[in-house]
């Protein structure tokens, strides 16, 4: 298993329950595919560096996890089709 880190930005109109539901959804995808979630860090609402789709703020979430190399491709697909995810990135961490 490899170590990965993902940061995703949710639409600022999400309330606490919607943010928790989205985080649980992505944690569920990781765990169902055989990955292990090490850490979930909710950074909260922050100003974006530049406007994306006429939005200036977003809710940032950082997730560290361990998974096989195929999982990030599936997670990326889920991020792309999920409404409310403004941006996301998945990075493989060095040992």
PDB file of N, CA and C in Angstrom:
ATOM      1  N   UNK A   1       0.830  -1.192   0.000  1.00  0.00           N
ATOM      2  CA  UNK A   1       0.000   0.000   0.000  1.00  0.00           C
ATOM      3  C   UNK A   1       0.870   1.248   0.000  1.00  0.00           C
ATOM      4  N   UNK A   2       0.363   2.264  -0.676  1.00  0.00           N
ATOM      5  CA  UNK A   2       1.083   3.540  -0.759  1.00  0.00           C
ATOM      6  C   UNK A   2       0.348   4.606   0.046  1.00  0.00           C
ATOM      7  N   UNK A   3       1.086   5.626   0.438  1.00  0.00           N
ATOM      8  CA  UNK A   3       0.510   6.750   1.180  1.00  0.00           C
ATOM      9  C   UNK A   3       0.077   7.840   0.203  1.00  0.00           C
ATOM     10  N   UNK A   4      -1.137   8.340   0.396  1.00  0.00           N
ATOM     11  CA  UNK A   4      -1.674   9.399  -0.450  1.00  0.00           C
ATOM     12  C   UNK A   4      -2.246  10.503   0.417  1.00  0.00           C
ATOM     13  N   UNK A   5      -2.375  11.665  -0.212  1.00  0.00           N
ATOM     14  CA  UNK A   5      -2.999  12.812   0.429  1.00  0.00           C
ATOM     15  C   UNK A   5      -3.927  13.441  -0.603  1.00  0.00           C
ATOM     16  N   UNK A   6      -5.121  13.777  -0.189  1.00  0.00           N
ATOM     17  CA  UNK A   6      -6.036  14.471  -1.086  1.00  0.00           C
ATOM     18  C   UNK A   6      -6.587  15.703  -0.381  1.00  0.00           C
ATOM     19  N   UNK A   7      -6.702  16.761  -1.140  1.00  0.00           N
ATOM     20  CA  UNK A   7      -7.367  17.973  -0.659  1.00  0.00           C
ATOM     21  C   UNK A   7      -8.490  18.251  -1.640  1.00  0.00           C
ATOM     22  N   UNK A   8      -9.673  18.459  -1.095  1.00  0.00           N
ATOM     23  CA  UNK A   8     -10.776  18.841  -1.964  1.00  0.00           C
ATOM     24  C   UNK A   8     -11.487  20.047  -1.378  1.00  0.00           C
ATOM     25  N   UNK A   9     -12.064  20.842  -2.268  1.00  0.00           N
ATOM     26  CA  UNK A   9     -12.748  22.076  -1.884  1.00  0.00           C
ATOM     27  C   UNK A   9     -14.225  21.914  -2.210  1.00  0.00           C
ATOM     28  N   UNK A  10     -15.051  22.086  -1.192  1.00  0.00           N
ATOM     29  CA  UNK A  10     -16.497  21.986  -1.357  1.00  0.00           C
ATOM     30  C   UNK A  10     -17.111  23.375  -1.508  1.00  0.00           C
ATOM     31  N   UNK A  11     -18.257  23.428  -2.136  1.00  0.00           N
ATOM     32  CA  UNK A  11     -18.964  24.693  -2.349  1.00  0.00           C
ATOM     33  C   UNK A  11     -19.290  25.329  -0.992  1.00  0.00           C
ATOM     34  N   UNK A  12     -19.126  26.651  -0.852  1.00  0.00           N
ATOM     35  CA  UNK A  12     -19.337  27.305   0.443  1.00  0.00           C
ATOM     36  C   UNK A  12     -20.792  27.294   0.930  1.00  0.00           C
ATOM     37  N   UNK A  13     -21.732  26.963   0.072  1.00  0.00           N
ATOM     38  CA  UNK A  13     -23.139  26.937   0.493  1.00  0.00           C
ATOM     39  C   UNK A  13     -23.474  25.683   1.306  1.00  0.00           C
ATOM     40  N   UNK A  14     -22.558  24.713   1.371  1.00  0.00           N
ATOM     41  CA  UNK A  14     -22.802  23.492   2.144  1.00  0.00           C
ATOM     42  C   UNK A  14     -22.884  23.820   3.626  1.00  0.00           C
ATOM     43  N   UNK A  15     -23.881  23.250   4.321  1.00  0.00           N
ATOM     44  CA  UNK A  15     -23.936  23.392   5.774  1.00  0.00           C
ATOM     45  C   UNK A  15     -23.115  22.260   6.412  1.00  0.00           C
ATOM     46  N   UNK A  16     -23.037  22.243   7.737  1.00  0.00           N
ATOM     47  CA  UNK A  16     -22.195  21.272   8.437  1.00  0.00           C
ATOM     48  C   UNK A  16     -22.583  19.831   8.117  1.00  0.00           C
ATOM     49  N   UNK A  17     -23.889  19.572   8.035  1.00  0.00           N
ATOM     50  CA  UNK A  17     -24.352  18.219   7.747  1.00  0.00           C
ATOM     51  C   UNK A  17     -23.958  17.785   6.340  1.00  0.00           C
ATOM     52  N   UNK A  18     -24.061  18.683   5.378  1.00  0.00           N
ATOM     53  CA  UNK A  18     -23.703  18.357   4.001  1.00  0.00           C
ATOM     54  C   UNK A  18     -22.200  18.112   3.874  1.00  0.00           C
ATOM     55  N   UNK A  19     -21.397  18.905   4.599  1.00  0.00           N
ATOM     56  CA  UNK A  19     -19.945  18.711   4.579  1.00  0.00           C
ATOM     57  C   UNK A  19     -19.613  17.357   5.185  1.00  0.00           C
ATOM     58  N   UNK A  20     -20.230  17.023   6.319  1.00  0.00           N
ATOM     59  CA  UNK A  20     -19.986  15.736   6.966  1.00  0.00           C
ATOM     60  C   UNK A  20     -20.404  14.584   6.058  1.00  0.00           C
ATOM     61  N   UNK A  21     -21.528  14.732   5.372  1.00  0.00           N
ATOM     62  CA  UNK A  21     -22.003  13.692   4.453  1.00  0.00           C
ATOM     63  C   UNK A  21     -21.027  13.489   3.299  1.00  0.00           C
ATOM     64  N   UNK A  22     -20.491  14.598   2.754  1.00  0.00           N
ATOM     65  CA  UNK A  22     -19.538  14.498   1.653  1.00  0.00           C
ATOM     66  C   UNK A  22     -18.242  13.831   2.113  1.00  0.00           C
ATOM     67  N   UNK A  23     -17.746  14.221   3.283  1.00  0.00           N
ATOM     68  CA  UNK A  23     -16.514  13.625   3.819  1.00  0.00           C
ATOM     69  C   UNK A  23     -16.729  12.139   4.076  1.00  0.00           C
ATOM     70  N   UNK A  24     -17.879  11.783   4.647  1.00  0.00           N
ATOM     71  CA  UNK A  24     -18.182  10.368   4.898  1.00  0.00           C
ATOM     72  C   UNK A  24     -18.282   9.578   3.594  1.00  0.00           C
ATOM     73  N   UNK A  25     -18.821  10.211   2.559  1.00  0.00           N
ATOM     74  CA  UNK A  25     -18.931   9.552   1.254  1.00  0.00           C
ATOM     75  C   UNK A  25     -17.548   9.208   0.720  1.00  0.00           C
ATOM     76  N   UNK A  26     -16.628  10.175   0.776  1.00  0.00           N
ATOM     77  CA  UNK A  26     -15.286   9.936   0.235  1.00  0.00           C
ATOM     78  C   UNK A  26     -14.499   8.968   1.107  1.00  0.00           C
ATOM     79  N   UNK A  27     -14.687   9.049   2.434  1.00  0.00           N
ATOM     80  CA  UNK A  27     -14.064   8.070   3.322  1.00  0.00           C
ATOM     81  C   UNK A  27     -14.594   6.674   3.010  1.00  0.00           C
ATOM     82  N   UNK A  28     -15.873   6.583   2.746  1.00  0.00           N
ATOM     83  CA  UNK A  28     -16.483   5.301   2.405  1.00  0.00           C
ATOM     84  C   UNK A  28     -15.921   4.715   1.124  1.00  0.00           C
ATOM     85  N   UNK A  29     -15.690   5.558   0.121  1.00  0.00           N
ATOM     86  CA  UNK A  29     -15.105   5.095  -1.138  1.00  0.00           C
ATOM     87  C   UNK A  29     -13.714   4.516  -0.880  1.00  0.00           C
ATOM     88  N   UNK A  30     -12.929   5.223  -0.080  1.00  0.00           N
ATOM     89  CA  UNK A  30     -11.567   4.760   0.221  1.00  0.00           C
ATOM     90  C   UNK A  30     -11.607   3.424   0.965  1.00  0.00           C
ATOM     91  N   UNK A  31     -12.462   3.324   1.976  1.00  0.00           N
ATOM     92  CA  UNK A  31     -12.513   2.114   2.796  1.00  0.00           C
ATOM     93  C   UNK A  31     -13.127   0.933   2.042  1.00  0.00           C
ATOM     94  N   UNK A  32     -14.107   1.195   1.169  1.00  0.00           N
ATOM     95  CA  UNK A  32     -14.710   0.093   0.406  1.00  0.00           C
ATOM     96  C   UNK A  32     -13.738  -0.495  -0.597  1.00  0.00           C
ATOM     97  N   UNK A  33     -12.870   0.336  -1.124  1.00  0.00           N
ATOM     98  CA  UNK A  33     -11.890  -0.132  -2.104  1.00  0.00           C
ATOM     99  C   UNK A  33     -10.655  -0.733  -1.442  1.00  0.00           C
ATOM    100  N   UNK A  34     -10.685  -0.893  -0.111  1.00  0.00           N
ATOM    101  CA  UNK A  34      -9.577  -1.550   0.578  1.00  0.00           C
ATOM    102  C   UNK A  34      -8.536  -0.603   1.134  1.00  0.00           C
ATOM    103  N   UNK A  35      -8.795   0.683   1.132  1.00  0.00           N
ATOM    104  CA  UNK A  35      -7.842   1.661   1.658  1.00  0.00           C
ATOM    105  C   UNK A  35      -8.051   1.896   3.151  1.00  0.00           C
ATOM    106  N   UNK A  36      -7.102   2.581   3.751  1.00  0.00           N
ATOM    107  CA  UNK A  36      -7.166   2.913   5.174  1.00  0.00           C
ATOM    108  C   UNK A  36      -7.062   4.430   5.308  1.00  0.00           C
ATOM    109  N   UNK A  37      -8.050   5.052   5.950  1.00  0.00           N
ATOM    110  CA  UNK A  37      -8.030   6.499   6.172  1.00  0.00           C
ATOM    111  C   UNK A  37      -7.229   6.767   7.438  1.00  0.00           C
ATOM    112  N   UNK A  38      -6.126   7.516   7.309  1.00  0.00           N
ATOM    113  CA  UNK A  38      -5.269   7.832   8.444  1.00  0.00           C
ATOM    114  C   UNK A  38      -5.730   9.079   9.182  1.00  0.00           C
ATOM    115  N   UNK A  39      -6.127  10.109   8.425  1.00  0.00           N
ATOM    116  CA  UNK A  39      -6.431  11.394   9.043  1.00  0.00           C
ATOM    117  C   UNK A  39      -7.400  12.171   8.158  1.00  0.00           C
ATOM    118  N   UNK A  40      -8.362  12.818   8.788  1.00  0.00           N
ATOM    119  CA  UNK A  40      -9.268  13.742   8.092  1.00  0.00           C
ATOM    120  C   UNK A  40      -9.166  15.070   8.817  1.00  0.00           C
ATOM    121  N   UNK A  41      -8.788  16.106   8.090  1.00  0.00           N
ATOM    122  CA  UNK A  41      -8.597  17.422   8.687  1.00  0.00           C
ATOM    123  C   UNK A  41      -9.496  18.423   7.964  1.00  0.00           C
ATOM    124  N   UNK A  42     -10.512  18.914   8.652  1.00  0.00           N
ATOM    125  CA  UNK A  42     -11.424  19.894   8.078  1.00  0.00           C
ATOM    126  C   UNK A  42     -10.859  21.284   8.347  1.00  0.00           C
ATOM    127  N   UNK A  43     -10.414  21.956   7.300  1.00  0.00           N
ATOM    128  CA  UNK A  43      -9.819  23.286   7.447  1.00  0.00           C
ATOM    129  C   UNK A  43     -10.875  24.373   7.543  1.00  0.00           C
ATOM    130  N   UNK A  44     -12.066  24.085   7.095  1.00  0.00           N
ATOM    131  CA  UNK A  44     -13.134  25.074   7.161  1.00  0.00           C
ATOM    132  C   UNK A  44     -13.193  25.962   5.925  1.00  0.00           C
ATOM    133  N   UNK A  45     -13.974  27.030   6.044  1.00  0.00           N
ATOM    134  CA  UNK A  45     -14.192  27.939   4.910  1.00  0.00           C
ATOM    135  C   UNK A  45     -13.015  28.898   4.790  1.00  0.00           C
ATOM    136  N   UNK A  46     -12.458  28.955   3.580  1.00  0.00           N
ATOM    137  CA  UNK A  46     -11.333  29.855   3.296  1.00  0.00           C
ATOM    138  C   UNK A  46     -11.546  30.532   1.949  1.00  0.00           C
ATOM    139  N   UNK A  47     -10.879  31.633   1.800  1.00  0.00           N
ATOM    140  CA  UNK A  47     -10.939  32.378   0.544  1.00  0.00           C
ATOM    141  C   UNK A  47     -10.084  31.667  -0.506  1.00  0.00           C
ATOM    142  N   UNK A  48     -10.621  31.557  -1.727  1.00  0.00           N
ATOM    143  CA  UNK A  48      -9.875  30.948  -2.823  1.00  0.00           C
ATOM    144  C   UNK A  48      -8.851  31.939  -3.374  1.00  0.00           C
ATOM    145  N   UNK A  49      -7.786  31.424  -3.946  1.00  0.00           N
ATOM    146  CA  UNK A  49      -6.760  32.280  -4.527  1.00  0.00           C
ATOM    147  C   UNK A  49      -7.298  33.022  -5.753  1.00  0.00           C
ATOM    148  N   UNK A  50      -8.227  32.390  -6.460  1.00  0.00           N
ATOM    149  CA  UNK A  50      -8.859  33.030  -7.612  1.00  0.00           C
ATOM    150  C   UNK A  50     -10.287  32.509  -7.720  1.00  0.00           C
ATOM    151  N   UNK A  51     -11.121  33.242  -8.398  1.00  0.00           N
ATOM    152  CA  UNK A  51     -12.531  32.902  -8.530  1.00  0.00           C
ATOM    153  C   UNK A  51     -12.707  31.665  -9.408  1.00  0.00           C
ATOM    154  N   UNK A  52     -13.530  30.729  -8.938  1.00  0.00           N
ATOM    155  CA  UNK A  52     -13.850  29.518  -9.701  1.00  0.00           C
ATOM    156  C   UNK A  52     -15.373  29.450  -9.818  1.00  0.00           C
ATOM    157  N   UNK A  53     -15.876  29.456 -11.029  1.00  0.00           N
ATOM    158  CA  UNK A  53     -17.327  29.403 -11.269  1.00  0.00           C
ATOM    159  C   UNK A  53     -18.084  30.449 -10.451  1.00  0.00           C
ATOM    160  N   UNK A  54     -17.559  31.665 -10.424  1.00  0.00           N
ATOM    161  CA  UNK A  54     -18.144  32.811  -9.723  1.00  0.00           C
ATOM    162  C   UNK A  54     -18.256  32.593  -8.208  1.00  0.00           C
ATOM    163  N   UNK A  55     -17.338  31.793  -7.651  1.00  0.00           N
ATOM    164  CA  UNK A  55     -17.291  31.527  -6.212  1.00  0.00           C
ATOM    165  C   UNK A  55     -15.925  31.976  -5.695  1.00  0.00           C
ATOM    166  N   UNK A  56     -15.923  32.718  -4.581  1.00  0.00           N
ATOM    167  CA  UNK A  56     -14.674  33.237  -4.016  1.00  0.00           C
ATOM    168  C   UNK A  56     -14.205  32.486  -2.776  1.00  0.00           C
ATOM    169  N   UNK A  57     -15.066  31.628  -2.196  1.00  0.00           N
ATOM    170  CA  UNK A  57     -14.724  30.895  -0.989  1.00  0.00           C
ATOM    171  C   UNK A  57     -15.004  29.420  -1.196  1.00  0.00           C
ATOM    172  N   UNK A  58     -14.405  28.588  -0.338  1.00  0.00           N
ATOM    173  CA  UNK A  58     -14.664  27.160  -0.395  1.00  0.00           C
ATOM    174  C   UNK A  58     -14.352  26.523   0.947  1.00  0.00           C
ATOM    175  N   UNK A  59     -14.892  25.343   1.175  1.00  0.00           N
ATOM    176  CA  UNK A  59     -14.638  24.594   2.399  1.00  0.00           C
ATOM    177  C   UNK A  59     -13.577  23.548   2.077  1.00  0.00           C
ATOM    178  N   UNK A  60     -12.411  23.702   2.710  1.00  0.00           N
ATOM    179  CA  UNK A  60     -11.265  22.841   2.432  1.00  0.00           C
ATOM    180  C   UNK A  60     -11.261  21.625   3.353  1.00  0.00           C
ATOM    181  N   UNK A  61     -10.965  20.449   2.774  1.00  0.00           N
ATOM    182  CA  UNK A  61     -10.855  19.210   3.548  1.00  0.00           C
ATOM    183  C   UNK A  61      -9.605  18.463   3.074  1.00  0.00           C
ATOM    184  N   UNK A  62      -8.770  18.052   4.044  1.00  0.00           N
ATOM    185  CA  UNK A  62      -7.551  17.294   3.777  1.00  0.00           C
ATOM    186  C   UNK A  62      -7.738  15.884   4.298  1.00  0.00           C
ATOM    187  N   UNK A  63      -7.426  14.871   3.483  1.00  0.00           N
ATOM    188  CA  UNK A  63      -7.541  13.474   3.891  1.00  0.00           C
ATOM    189  C   UNK A  63      -6.235  12.761   3.557  1.00  0.00           C
ATOM    190  N   UNK A  64      -5.630  12.126   4.561  1.00  0.00           N
ATOM    191  CA  UNK A  64      -4.462  11.272   4.362  1.00  0.00           C
ATOM    192  C   UNK A  64      -4.935   9.826   4.409  1.00  0.00           C
ATOM    193  N   UNK A  65      -4.484   9.017   3.448  1.00  0.00           N
ATOM    194  CA  UNK A  65      -4.930   7.626   3.421  1.00  0.00           C
ATOM    195  C   UNK A  65      -3.870   6.733   2.786  1.00  0.00           C
ATOM    196  N   UNK A  66      -4.026   5.434   3.020  1.00  0.00           N
ATOM    197  CA  UNK A  66      -3.168   4.424   2.413  1.00  0.00           C
ATOM    198  C   UNK A  66      -4.038   3.593   1.483  1.00  0.00           C
ATOM    199  N   UNK A  67      -3.504   3.276   0.306  1.00  0.00           N
ATOM    200  CA  UNK A  67      -4.301   2.522  -0.655  1.00  0.00           C
ATOM    201  C   UNK A  67      -3.402   1.895  -1.709  1.00  0.00           C
ATOM    202  N   UNK A  68      -4.000   0.993  -2.459  1.00  0.00           N
ATOM    203  CA  UNK A  68      -3.340   0.405  -3.614  1.00  0.00           C
ATOM    204  C   UNK A  68      -3.356   1.438  -4.757  1.00  0.00           C
ATOM    205  N   UNK A  69      -2.463   1.301  -5.728  1.00  0.00           N
ATOM    206  CA  UNK A  69      -2.348   2.314  -6.800  1.00  0.00           C
ATOM    207  C   UNK A  69      -3.608   2.540  -7.641  1.00  0.00           C
ATOM    208  N   UNK A  70      -4.550   1.599  -7.663  1.00  0.00           N
ATOM    209  CA  UNK A  70      -5.760   1.762  -8.479  1.00  0.00           C
ATOM    210  C   UNK A  70      -6.784   2.692  -7.828  1.00  0.00           C
ATOM    211  N   UNK A  71      -6.759   2.806  -6.507  1.00  0.00           N
ATOM    212  CA  UNK A  71      -7.782   3.576  -5.787  1.00  0.00           C
ATOM    213  C   UNK A  71      -7.821   5.057  -6.158  1.00  0.00           C
ATOM    214  N   UNK A  72      -6.695   5.755  -6.287  1.00  0.00           N
ATOM    215  CA  UNK A  72      -6.777   7.187  -6.635  1.00  0.00           C
ATOM    216  C   UNK A  72      -7.516   7.460  -7.946  1.00  0.00           C
ATOM    217  N   UNK A  73      -7.445   6.548  -8.907  1.00  0.00           N
ATOM    218  CA  UNK A  73      -8.171   6.741 -10.166  1.00  0.00           C
ATOM    219  C   UNK A  73      -9.680   6.717  -9.926  1.00  0.00           C
ATOM    220  N   UNK A  74     -10.125   5.773  -9.101  1.00  0.00           N
ATOM    221  CA  UNK A  74     -11.554   5.687  -8.784  1.00  0.00           C
ATOM    222  C   UNK A  74     -12.003   6.888  -7.955  1.00  0.00           C
ATOM    223  N   UNK A  75     -11.185   7.296  -6.986  1.00  0.00           N
ATOM    224  CA  UNK A  75     -11.512   8.445  -6.148  1.00  0.00           C
ATOM    225  C   UNK A  75     -11.594   9.718  -6.998  1.00  0.00           C
ATOM    226  N   UNK A  76     -10.692   9.859  -7.949  1.00  0.00           N
ATOM    227  CA  UNK A  76     -10.712  11.000  -8.861  1.00  0.00           C
ATOM    228  C   UNK A  76     -12.010  11.027  -9.669  1.00  0.00           C
ATOM    229  N   UNK A  77     -12.445   9.862 -10.125  1.00  0.00           N
ATOM    230  CA  UNK A  77     -13.697   9.759 -10.878  1.00  0.00           C
ATOM    231  C   UNK A  77     -14.882  10.188 -10.009  1.00  0.00           C
ATOM    232  N   UNK A  78     -14.884   9.750  -8.752  1.00  0.00           N
ATOM    233  CA  UNK A  78     -15.969  10.110  -7.835  1.00  0.00           C
ATOM    234  C   UNK A  78     -15.970  11.619  -7.559  1.00  0.00           C
ATOM    235  N   UNK A  79     -14.773  12.202  -7.364  1.00  0.00           N
ATOM    236  CA  UNK A  79     -14.685  13.651  -7.154  1.00  0.00           C
ATOM    237  C   UNK A  79     -15.276  14.404  -8.343  1.00  0.00           C
ATOM    238  N   UNK A  80     -14.961  13.959  -9.553  1.00  0.00           N
ATOM    239  CA  UNK A  80     -15.410  14.663 -10.763  1.00  0.00           C
ATOM    240  C   UNK A  80     -16.925  14.637 -10.930  1.00  0.00           C
ATOM    241  N   UNK A  81     -17.586  13.556 -10.526  1.00  0.00           N
ATOM    242  CA  UNK A  81     -19.033  13.452 -10.756  1.00  0.00           C
ATOM    243  C   UNK A  81     -19.858  13.921  -9.563  1.00  0.00           C
ATOM    244  N   UNK A  82     -19.199  14.279  -8.455  1.00  0.00           N
ATOM    245  CA  UNK A  82     -19.918  14.724  -7.270  1.00  0.00           C
ATOM    246  C   UNK A  82     -20.204  16.220  -7.345  1.00  0.00           C
ATOM    247  N   UNK A  83     -21.486  16.569  -7.232  1.00  0.00           N
ATOM    248  CA  UNK A  83     -21.867  17.983  -7.206  1.00  0.00           C
ATOM    249  C   UNK A  83     -21.348  18.613  -5.930  1.00  0.00           C
ATOM    250  N   UNK A  84     -20.863  19.838  -6.029  1.00  0.00           N
ATOM    251  CA  UNK A  84     -20.399  20.551  -4.848  1.00  0.00           C
ATOM    252  C   UNK A  84     -18.901  20.509  -4.648  1.00  0.00           C
ATOM    253  N   UNK A  85     -18.199  19.645  -5.372  1.00  0.00           N
ATOM    254  CA  UNK A  85     -16.732  19.631  -5.287  1.00  0.00           C
ATOM    255  C   UNK A  85     -16.215  20.619  -6.329  1.00  0.00           C
ATOM    256  N   UNK A  86     -15.611  21.702  -5.838  1.00  0.00           N
ATOM    257  CA  UNK A  86     -15.123  22.747  -6.734  1.00  0.00           C
ATOM    258  C   UNK A  86     -13.790  22.336  -7.362  1.00  0.00           C
ATOM    259  N   UNK A  87     -12.859  21.881  -6.519  1.00  0.00           N
ATOM    260  CA  UNK A  87     -11.533  21.438  -6.969  1.00  0.00           C
ATOM    261  C   UNK A  87     -11.083  20.281  -6.096  1.00  0.00           C
ATOM    262  N   UNK A  88     -10.171  19.469  -6.624  1.00  0.00           N
ATOM    263  CA  UNK A  88      -9.589  18.396  -5.845  1.00  0.00           C
ATOM    264  C   UNK A  88      -8.212  18.043  -6.401  1.00  0.00           C
ATOM    265  N   UNK A  89      -7.390  17.441  -5.562  1.00  0.00           N
ATOM    266  CA  UNK A  89      -6.095  16.948  -6.009  1.00  0.00           C
ATOM    267  C   UNK A  89      -5.739  15.748  -5.141  1.00  0.00           C
ATOM    268  N   UNK A  90      -5.122  14.749  -5.757  1.00  0.00           N
ATOM    269  CA  UNK A  90      -4.670  13.553  -5.048  1.00  0.00           C
ATOM    270  C   UNK A  90      -3.168  13.429  -5.313  1.00  0.00           C
ATOM    271  N   UNK A  91      -2.376  13.336  -4.249  1.00  0.00           N
ATOM    272  CA  UNK A  91      -0.919  13.311  -4.373  1.00  0.00           C
ATOM    273  C   UNK A  91      -0.371  12.086  -3.658  1.00  0.00           C
ATOM    274  N   UNK A  92       0.574  11.391  -4.314  1.00  0.00           N
ATOM    275  CA  UNK A  92       1.259  10.276  -3.664  1.00  0.00           C
ATOM    276  C   UNK A  92       2.392  10.849  -2.803  1.00  0.00           C
ATOM    277  N   UNK A  93       2.411  10.479  -1.535  1.00  0.00           N
ATOM    278  CA  UNK A  93       3.436  10.990  -0.619  1.00  0.00           C
ATOM    279  C   UNK A  93       4.678  10.114  -0.696  1.00  0.00           C
ATOM    280  N   UNK A  94       5.842  10.742  -0.594  1.00  0.00           N
ATOM    281  CA  UNK A  94       7.099   9.985  -0.560  1.00  0.00           C
ATOM    282  C   UNK A  94       7.281   9.412   0.826  1.00  0.00           C
ATOM    283  N   UNK A  95       8.049   8.344   0.884  1.00  0.00           N
ATOM    284  CA  UNK A  95       8.299   7.725   2.193  1.00  0.00           C
ATOM    285  C   UNK A  95       9.350   8.479   2.958  1.00  0.00           C
TER     286      UNK A  95
END
